[in-house]
Amino acid sequence: MAQAKSDPNYKVIAENRRARFDYFIESDIEVGIVLTGSEVKALRTGQSNIAESYASVENGELWLINGYISAYKQAGVFGHEERRHRKLLVSAKELSRLWQSVGREGMTLVPLVMYFNHRGIVKLKLGVAKGKKNHDKRATEAQRDWGREKQRLLKQG
């Protein structure tokens, strides 16, 4: 993803910053998303949120549930529902791998980042994740704080 950030067409639309705090991310995958025209226009203005959303395999298809894309005012009556279920596009092989990993105890599909790729197409990065317990969250926070303190000490001399 580092090479994509230098690309002028690459633009992050929405990011789930709490995902890495609340979950152990085991792997991630880039998926496409089926959108209507008014949804794409609203995304170009940056009006979306994936923080409370998740992905689920239902009837052999992958869906983004509870993802928010605000209404596009200029669409008028041809607008869209803000929190509708949106179909995610993956290969059959990847879908079966995701379905098997979600079948294990405690695993879930968490959206990490929604962005426009170098071709201007909306993509979603999904993480296969396991939920953290409270003590794991405290340990992560302590490790992050120690890293900051270490950088401060090295910077001072």
C-alpha atoms as a PDB file:
ATOM      1  CA  MET A   1       0.000   0.000   0.000  1.00  0.00           C
ATOM      2  CA  ALA A   2       3.016   2.310   0.378  1.00  0.00           C
ATOM      3  CA  GLN A   3       3.437   2.592  -3.382  1.00  0.00           C
ATOM      4  CA  ALA A   4      -0.240   3.518  -3.777  1.00  0.00           C
ATOM      5  CA  LYS A   5       0.090   6.496  -1.436  1.00  0.00           C
ATOM      6  CA  SER A   6       2.498   8.203  -3.860  1.00  0.00           C
ATOM      7  CA  ASP A   7      -0.074   7.819  -6.647  1.00  0.00           C
ATOM      8  CA  PRO A   8      -2.084  11.040  -7.214  1.00  0.00           C
ATOM      9  CA  ASN A   9      -5.360   9.110  -7.707  1.00  0.00           C
ATOM     10  CA  TYR A  10      -5.047   7.203  -4.411  1.00  0.00           C
ATOM     11  CA  LYS A  11      -7.305   8.700  -1.746  1.00  0.00           C
ATOM     12  CA  VAL A  12      -8.384   7.281   1.613  1.00  0.00           C
ATOM     13  CA  ILE A  13     -12.136   7.725   2.033  1.00  0.00           C
ATOM     14  CA  ALA A  14     -12.698   6.199   5.469  1.00  0.00           C
ATOM     15  CA  GLU A  15     -10.491   4.411   7.961  1.00  0.00           C
ATOM     16  CA  ASN A  16     -11.388   2.218  10.913  1.00  0.00           C
ATOM     17  CA  ARG A  17      -8.711   3.333  13.365  1.00  0.00           C
ATOM     18  CA  ARG A  18     -10.115   1.364  16.317  1.00  0.00           C
ATOM     19  CA  ALA A  19      -9.918  -1.940  14.467  1.00  0.00           C
ATOM     20  CA  ARG A  20      -6.241  -2.510  15.265  1.00  0.00           C
ATOM     21  CA  PHE A  21      -6.885  -1.596  18.908  1.00  0.00           C
ATOM     22  CA  ASP A  22      -9.932  -3.847  19.336  1.00  0.00           C
ATOM     23  CA  TYR A  23      -8.785  -6.828  17.213  1.00  0.00           C
ATOM     24  CA  PHE A  24      -5.730  -8.940  16.381  1.00  0.00           C
ATOM     25  CA  ILE A  25      -5.572  -8.651  12.575  1.00  0.00           C
ATOM     26  CA  GLU A  26      -4.347 -12.006  11.241  1.00  0.00           C
ATOM     27  CA  SER A  27      -4.533 -11.225   7.525  1.00  0.00           C
ATOM     28  CA  ASP A  28      -6.085  -8.700   5.189  1.00  0.00           C
ATOM     29  CA  ILE A  29      -7.559  -8.724   1.701  1.00  0.00           C
ATOM     30  CA  GLU A  30      -8.528  -6.061  -0.826  1.00  0.00           C
ATOM     31  CA  VAL A  31     -12.109  -6.397  -2.074  1.00  0.00           C
ATOM     32  CA  GLY A  32     -14.314  -4.473  -4.463  1.00  0.00           C
ATOM     33  CA  ILE A  33     -17.673  -3.028  -3.474  1.00  0.00           C
ATOM     34  CA  VAL A  34     -20.907  -2.666  -5.442  1.00  0.00           C
ATOM     35  CA  LEU A  35     -22.113   0.948  -5.269  1.00  0.00           C
ATOM     36  CA  THR A  36     -24.727   3.135  -6.920  1.00  0.00           C
ATOM     37  CA  GLY A  37     -23.859   6.407  -8.649  1.00  0.00           C
ATOM     38  CA  SER A  38     -25.006   8.631  -5.798  1.00  0.00           C
ATOM     39  CA  GLU A  39     -22.908   6.596  -3.349  1.00  0.00           C
ATOM     40  CA  VAL A  40     -19.760   7.131  -5.407  1.00  0.00           C
ATOM     41  CA  LYS A  41     -20.469  10.873  -5.618  1.00  0.00           C
ATOM     42  CA  ALA A  42     -20.948  11.022  -1.834  1.00  0.00           C
ATOM     43  CA  LEU A  43     -17.689   9.100  -1.332  1.00  0.00           C
ATOM     44  CA  ARG A  44     -15.830  11.585  -3.543  1.00  0.00           C
ATOM     45  CA  THR A  45     -16.841  14.278  -1.050  1.00  0.00           C
ATOM     46  CA  GLY A  46     -15.541  12.049   1.786  1.00  0.00           C
ATOM     47  CA  GLN A  47     -18.834  11.505   3.585  1.00  0.00           C
ATOM     48  CA  SER A  48     -18.630   7.951   4.918  1.00  0.00           C
ATOM     49  CA  ASN A  49     -17.894   5.905   8.031  1.00  0.00           C
ATOM     50  CA  ILE A  50     -16.866   2.257   8.378  1.00  0.00           C
ATOM     51  CA  ALA A  51     -15.995   2.321  12.087  1.00  0.00           C
ATOM     52  CA  GLU A  52     -19.126   0.438  13.219  1.00  0.00           C
ATOM     53  CA  SER A  53     -19.376  -1.894  10.238  1.00  0.00           C
ATOM     54  CA  TYR A  54     -18.399  -5.503   9.619  1.00  0.00           C
ATOM     55  CA  ALA A  55     -18.471  -8.008   6.754  1.00  0.00           C
ATOM     56  CA  SER A  56     -20.423 -11.232   6.694  1.00  0.00           C
ATOM     57  CA  VAL A  57     -20.789 -14.234   4.389  1.00  0.00           C
ATOM     58  CA  GLU A  58     -24.492 -14.804   3.687  1.00  0.00           C
ATOM     59  CA  ASN A  59     -25.950 -17.149   1.065  1.00  0.00           C
ATOM     60  CA  GLY A  60     -22.579 -17.625  -0.596  1.00  0.00           C
ATOM     61  CA  GLU A  61     -21.934 -13.887  -0.977  1.00  0.00           C
ATOM     62  CA  LEU A  62     -19.871 -11.392   1.008  1.00  0.00           C
ATOM     63  CA  TRP A  63     -21.709  -8.329   2.373  1.00  0.00           C
ATOM     64  CA  LEU A  64     -20.671  -5.120   4.126  1.00  0.00           C
ATOM     65  CA  ILE A  65     -23.140  -4.521   6.946  1.00  0.00           C
ATOM     66  CA  ASN A  66     -23.768  -1.215   8.715  1.00  0.00           C
ATOM     67  CA  GLY A  67     -21.385   0.800   6.525  1.00  0.00           C
ATOM     68  CA  TYR A  68     -22.464   4.447   6.374  1.00  0.00           C
ATOM     69  CA  ILE A  69     -22.382   6.572   3.196  1.00  0.00           C
ATOM     70  CA  SER A  70     -24.231   9.860   3.608  1.00  0.00           C
ATOM     71  CA  ALA A  71     -26.915  10.965   1.171  1.00  0.00           C
ATOM     72  CA  TYR A  72     -25.827  12.946  -1.878  1.00  0.00           C
ATOM     73  CA  LYS A  73     -28.094  16.013  -1.979  1.00  0.00           C
ATOM     74  CA  GLN A  74     -27.885  16.595  -5.734  1.00  0.00           C
ATOM     75  CA  ALA A  75     -29.160  13.054  -6.419  1.00  0.00           C
ATOM     76  CA  GLY A  76     -32.707  14.050  -5.452  1.00  0.00           C
ATOM     77  CA  VAL A  77     -35.114  11.126  -5.707  1.00  0.00           C
ATOM     78  CA  PHE A  78     -32.396   8.909  -7.232  1.00  0.00           C
ATOM     79  CA  GLY A  79     -30.434   8.793  -3.974  1.00  0.00           C
ATOM     80  CA  HIS A  80     -29.525   5.798  -1.886  1.00  0.00           C
ATOM     81  CA  GLU A  81     -30.208   4.309   1.520  1.00  0.00           C
ATOM     82  CA  GLU A  82     -27.396   5.373   3.873  1.00  0.00           C
ATOM     83  CA  ARG A  83     -26.883   2.119   5.813  1.00  0.00           C
ATOM     84  CA  ARG A  84     -27.903  -0.516   3.281  1.00  0.00           C
ATOM     85  CA  HIS A  85     -26.097  -3.850   2.956  1.00  0.00           C
ATOM     86  CA  ARG A  86     -23.496  -3.537   0.199  1.00  0.00           C
ATOM     87  CA  LYS A  87     -22.198  -6.505  -1.754  1.00  0.00           C
ATOM     88  CA  LEU A  88     -18.426  -7.059  -1.673  1.00  0.00           C
ATOM     89  CA  LEU A  89     -16.631  -8.577  -4.650  1.00  0.00           C
ATOM     90  CA  VAL A  90     -14.103 -11.384  -4.133  1.00  0.00           C
ATOM     91  CA  SER A  91     -13.103 -14.495  -6.052  1.00  0.00           C
ATOM     92  CA  ALA A  92     -14.750 -17.799  -5.166  1.00  0.00           C
ATOM     93  CA  LYS A  93     -11.454 -19.099  -3.788  1.00  0.00           C
ATOM     94  CA  GLU A  94     -11.043 -16.089  -1.479  1.00  0.00           C
ATOM     95  CA  LEU A  95     -14.689 -16.293  -0.416  1.00  0.00           C
ATOM     96  CA  SER A  96     -14.281 -19.918   0.683  1.00  0.00           C
ATOM     97  CA  ARG A  97     -11.078 -19.030   2.577  1.00  0.00           C
ATOM     98  CA  LEU A  98     -12.848 -16.153   4.352  1.00  0.00           C
ATOM     99  CA  TRP A  99     -15.881 -18.301   5.130  1.00  0.00           C
ATOM    100  CA  GLN A 100     -13.671 -21.001   6.695  1.00  0.00           C
ATOM    101  CA  SER A 101     -11.744 -18.478   8.786  1.00  0.00           C
ATOM    102  CA  VAL A 102     -14.957 -16.857  10.050  1.00  0.00           C
ATOM    103  CA  GLY A 103     -16.257 -20.328  10.959  1.00  0.00           C
ATOM    104  CA  ARG A 104     -13.501 -20.645  13.562  1.00  0.00           C
ATOM    105  CA  GLU A 105     -14.152 -19.469  17.101  1.00  0.00           C
ATOM    106  CA  GLY A 106     -14.002 -15.709  17.635  1.00  0.00           C
ATOM    107  CA  MET A 107     -13.001 -14.679  14.089  1.00  0.00           C
ATOM    108  CA  THR A 108     -14.692 -11.814  12.253  1.00  0.00           C
ATOM    109  CA  LEU A 109     -14.236  -9.742   9.099  1.00  0.00           C
ATOM    110  CA  VAL A 110     -13.478  -6.129   9.959  1.00  0.00           C
ATOM    111  CA  PRO A 111     -13.196  -3.340   7.364  1.00  0.00           C
ATOM    112  CA  LEU A 112      -9.902  -1.485   7.859  1.00  0.00           C
ATOM    113  CA  VAL A 113      -9.755   1.122   5.078  1.00  0.00           C
ATOM    114  CA  MET A 114     -12.017   2.280   2.242  1.00  0.00           C
ATOM    115  CA  TYR A 115     -10.167   4.077  -0.537  1.00  0.00           C
ATOM    116  CA  PHE A 116     -10.018   4.996  -4.213  1.00  0.00           C
ATOM    117  CA  ASN A 117      -7.258   2.957  -5.893  1.00  0.00           C
ATOM    118  CA  HIS A 118      -4.930   4.237  -8.621  1.00  0.00           C
ATOM    119  CA  ARG A 119      -7.669   3.731 -11.248  1.00  0.00           C
ATOM    120  CA  GLY A 120     -10.257   5.683  -9.240  1.00  0.00           C
ATOM    121  CA  ILE A 121     -12.220   2.575  -8.207  1.00  0.00           C
ATOM    122  CA  VAL A 122     -13.512   2.214  -4.649  1.00  0.00           C
ATOM    123  CA  LYS A 123     -11.808  -0.633  -2.776  1.00  0.00           C
ATOM    124  CA  LEU A 124     -12.165  -1.909   0.767  1.00  0.00           C
ATOM    125  CA  LYS A 125      -9.423  -3.575   2.787  1.00  0.00           C
ATOM    126  CA  LEU A 126     -10.905  -6.284   5.031  1.00  0.00           C
ATOM    127  CA  GLY A 127      -9.050  -7.820   7.941  1.00  0.00           C
ATOM    128  CA  VAL A 128      -9.624 -11.328   9.262  1.00  0.00           C
ATOM    129  CA  ALA A 129      -9.532 -10.563  12.968  1.00  0.00           C
ATOM    130  CA  LYS A 130      -9.889 -12.046  16.422  1.00  0.00           C
ATOM    131  CA  GLY A 131     -11.270  -9.868  19.212  1.00  0.00           C
ATOM    132  CA  LYS A 132      -8.933  -8.730  21.970  1.00  0.00           C
ATOM    133  CA  LYS A 133      -9.693  -9.098  25.640  1.00  0.00           C
ATOM    134  CA  ASN A 134      -9.342  -6.104  27.979  1.00  0.00           C
ATOM    135  CA  HIS A 135      -5.939  -7.200  29.266  1.00  0.00           C
ATOM    136  CA  ASP A 136      -4.688  -7.495  25.665  1.00  0.00           C
ATOM    137  CA  LYS A 137      -5.868  -3.946  24.964  1.00  0.00           C
ATOM    138  CA  ARG A 138      -4.050  -2.675  28.054  1.00  0.00           C
ATOM    139  CA  ALA A 139      -0.864  -4.445  26.998  1.00  0.00           C
ATOM    140  CA  THR A 140      -1.093  -2.942  23.496  1.00  0.00           C
ATOM    141  CA  GLU A 141      -1.596   0.527  24.966  1.00  0.00           C
ATOM    142  CA  ALA A 142       1.348   0.096  27.368  1.00  0.00           C
ATOM    143  CA  GLN A 143       3.577  -1.069  24.520  1.00  0.00           C
ATOM    144  CA  ARG A 144       2.561   1.924  22.396  1.00  0.00           C
ATOM    145  CA  ASP A 145       3.200   4.337  25.291  1.00  0.00           C
ATOM    146  CA  TRP A 146       6.633   2.804  25.898  1.00  0.00           C
ATOM    147  CA  GLY A 147       7.466   3.207  22.202  1.00  0.00           C
ATOM    148  CA  ARG A 148       6.559   6.900  22.388  1.00  0.00           C
ATOM    149  CA  GLU A 149       8.599   7.391  25.555  1.00  0.00           C
ATOM    150  CA  LYS A 150      11.573   5.590  24.014  1.00  0.00           C
ATOM    151  CA  GLN A 151      11.419   7.859  20.941  1.00  0.00           C
ATOM    152  CA  ARG A 152      11.249  10.919  23.219  1.00  0.00           C
ATOM    153  CA  LEU A 153      14.310   9.752  25.188  1.00  0.00           C
ATOM    154  CA  LEU A 154      16.290   9.020  22.027  1.00  0.00           C
ATOM    155  CA  LYS A 155      15.365  12.410  20.590  1.00  0.00           C
ATOM    156  CA  GLN A 156      16.508  14.264  23.725  1.00  0.00           C
ATOM    157  CA  GLY A 157      19.945  12.809  23.758  1.00  0.00           C
END
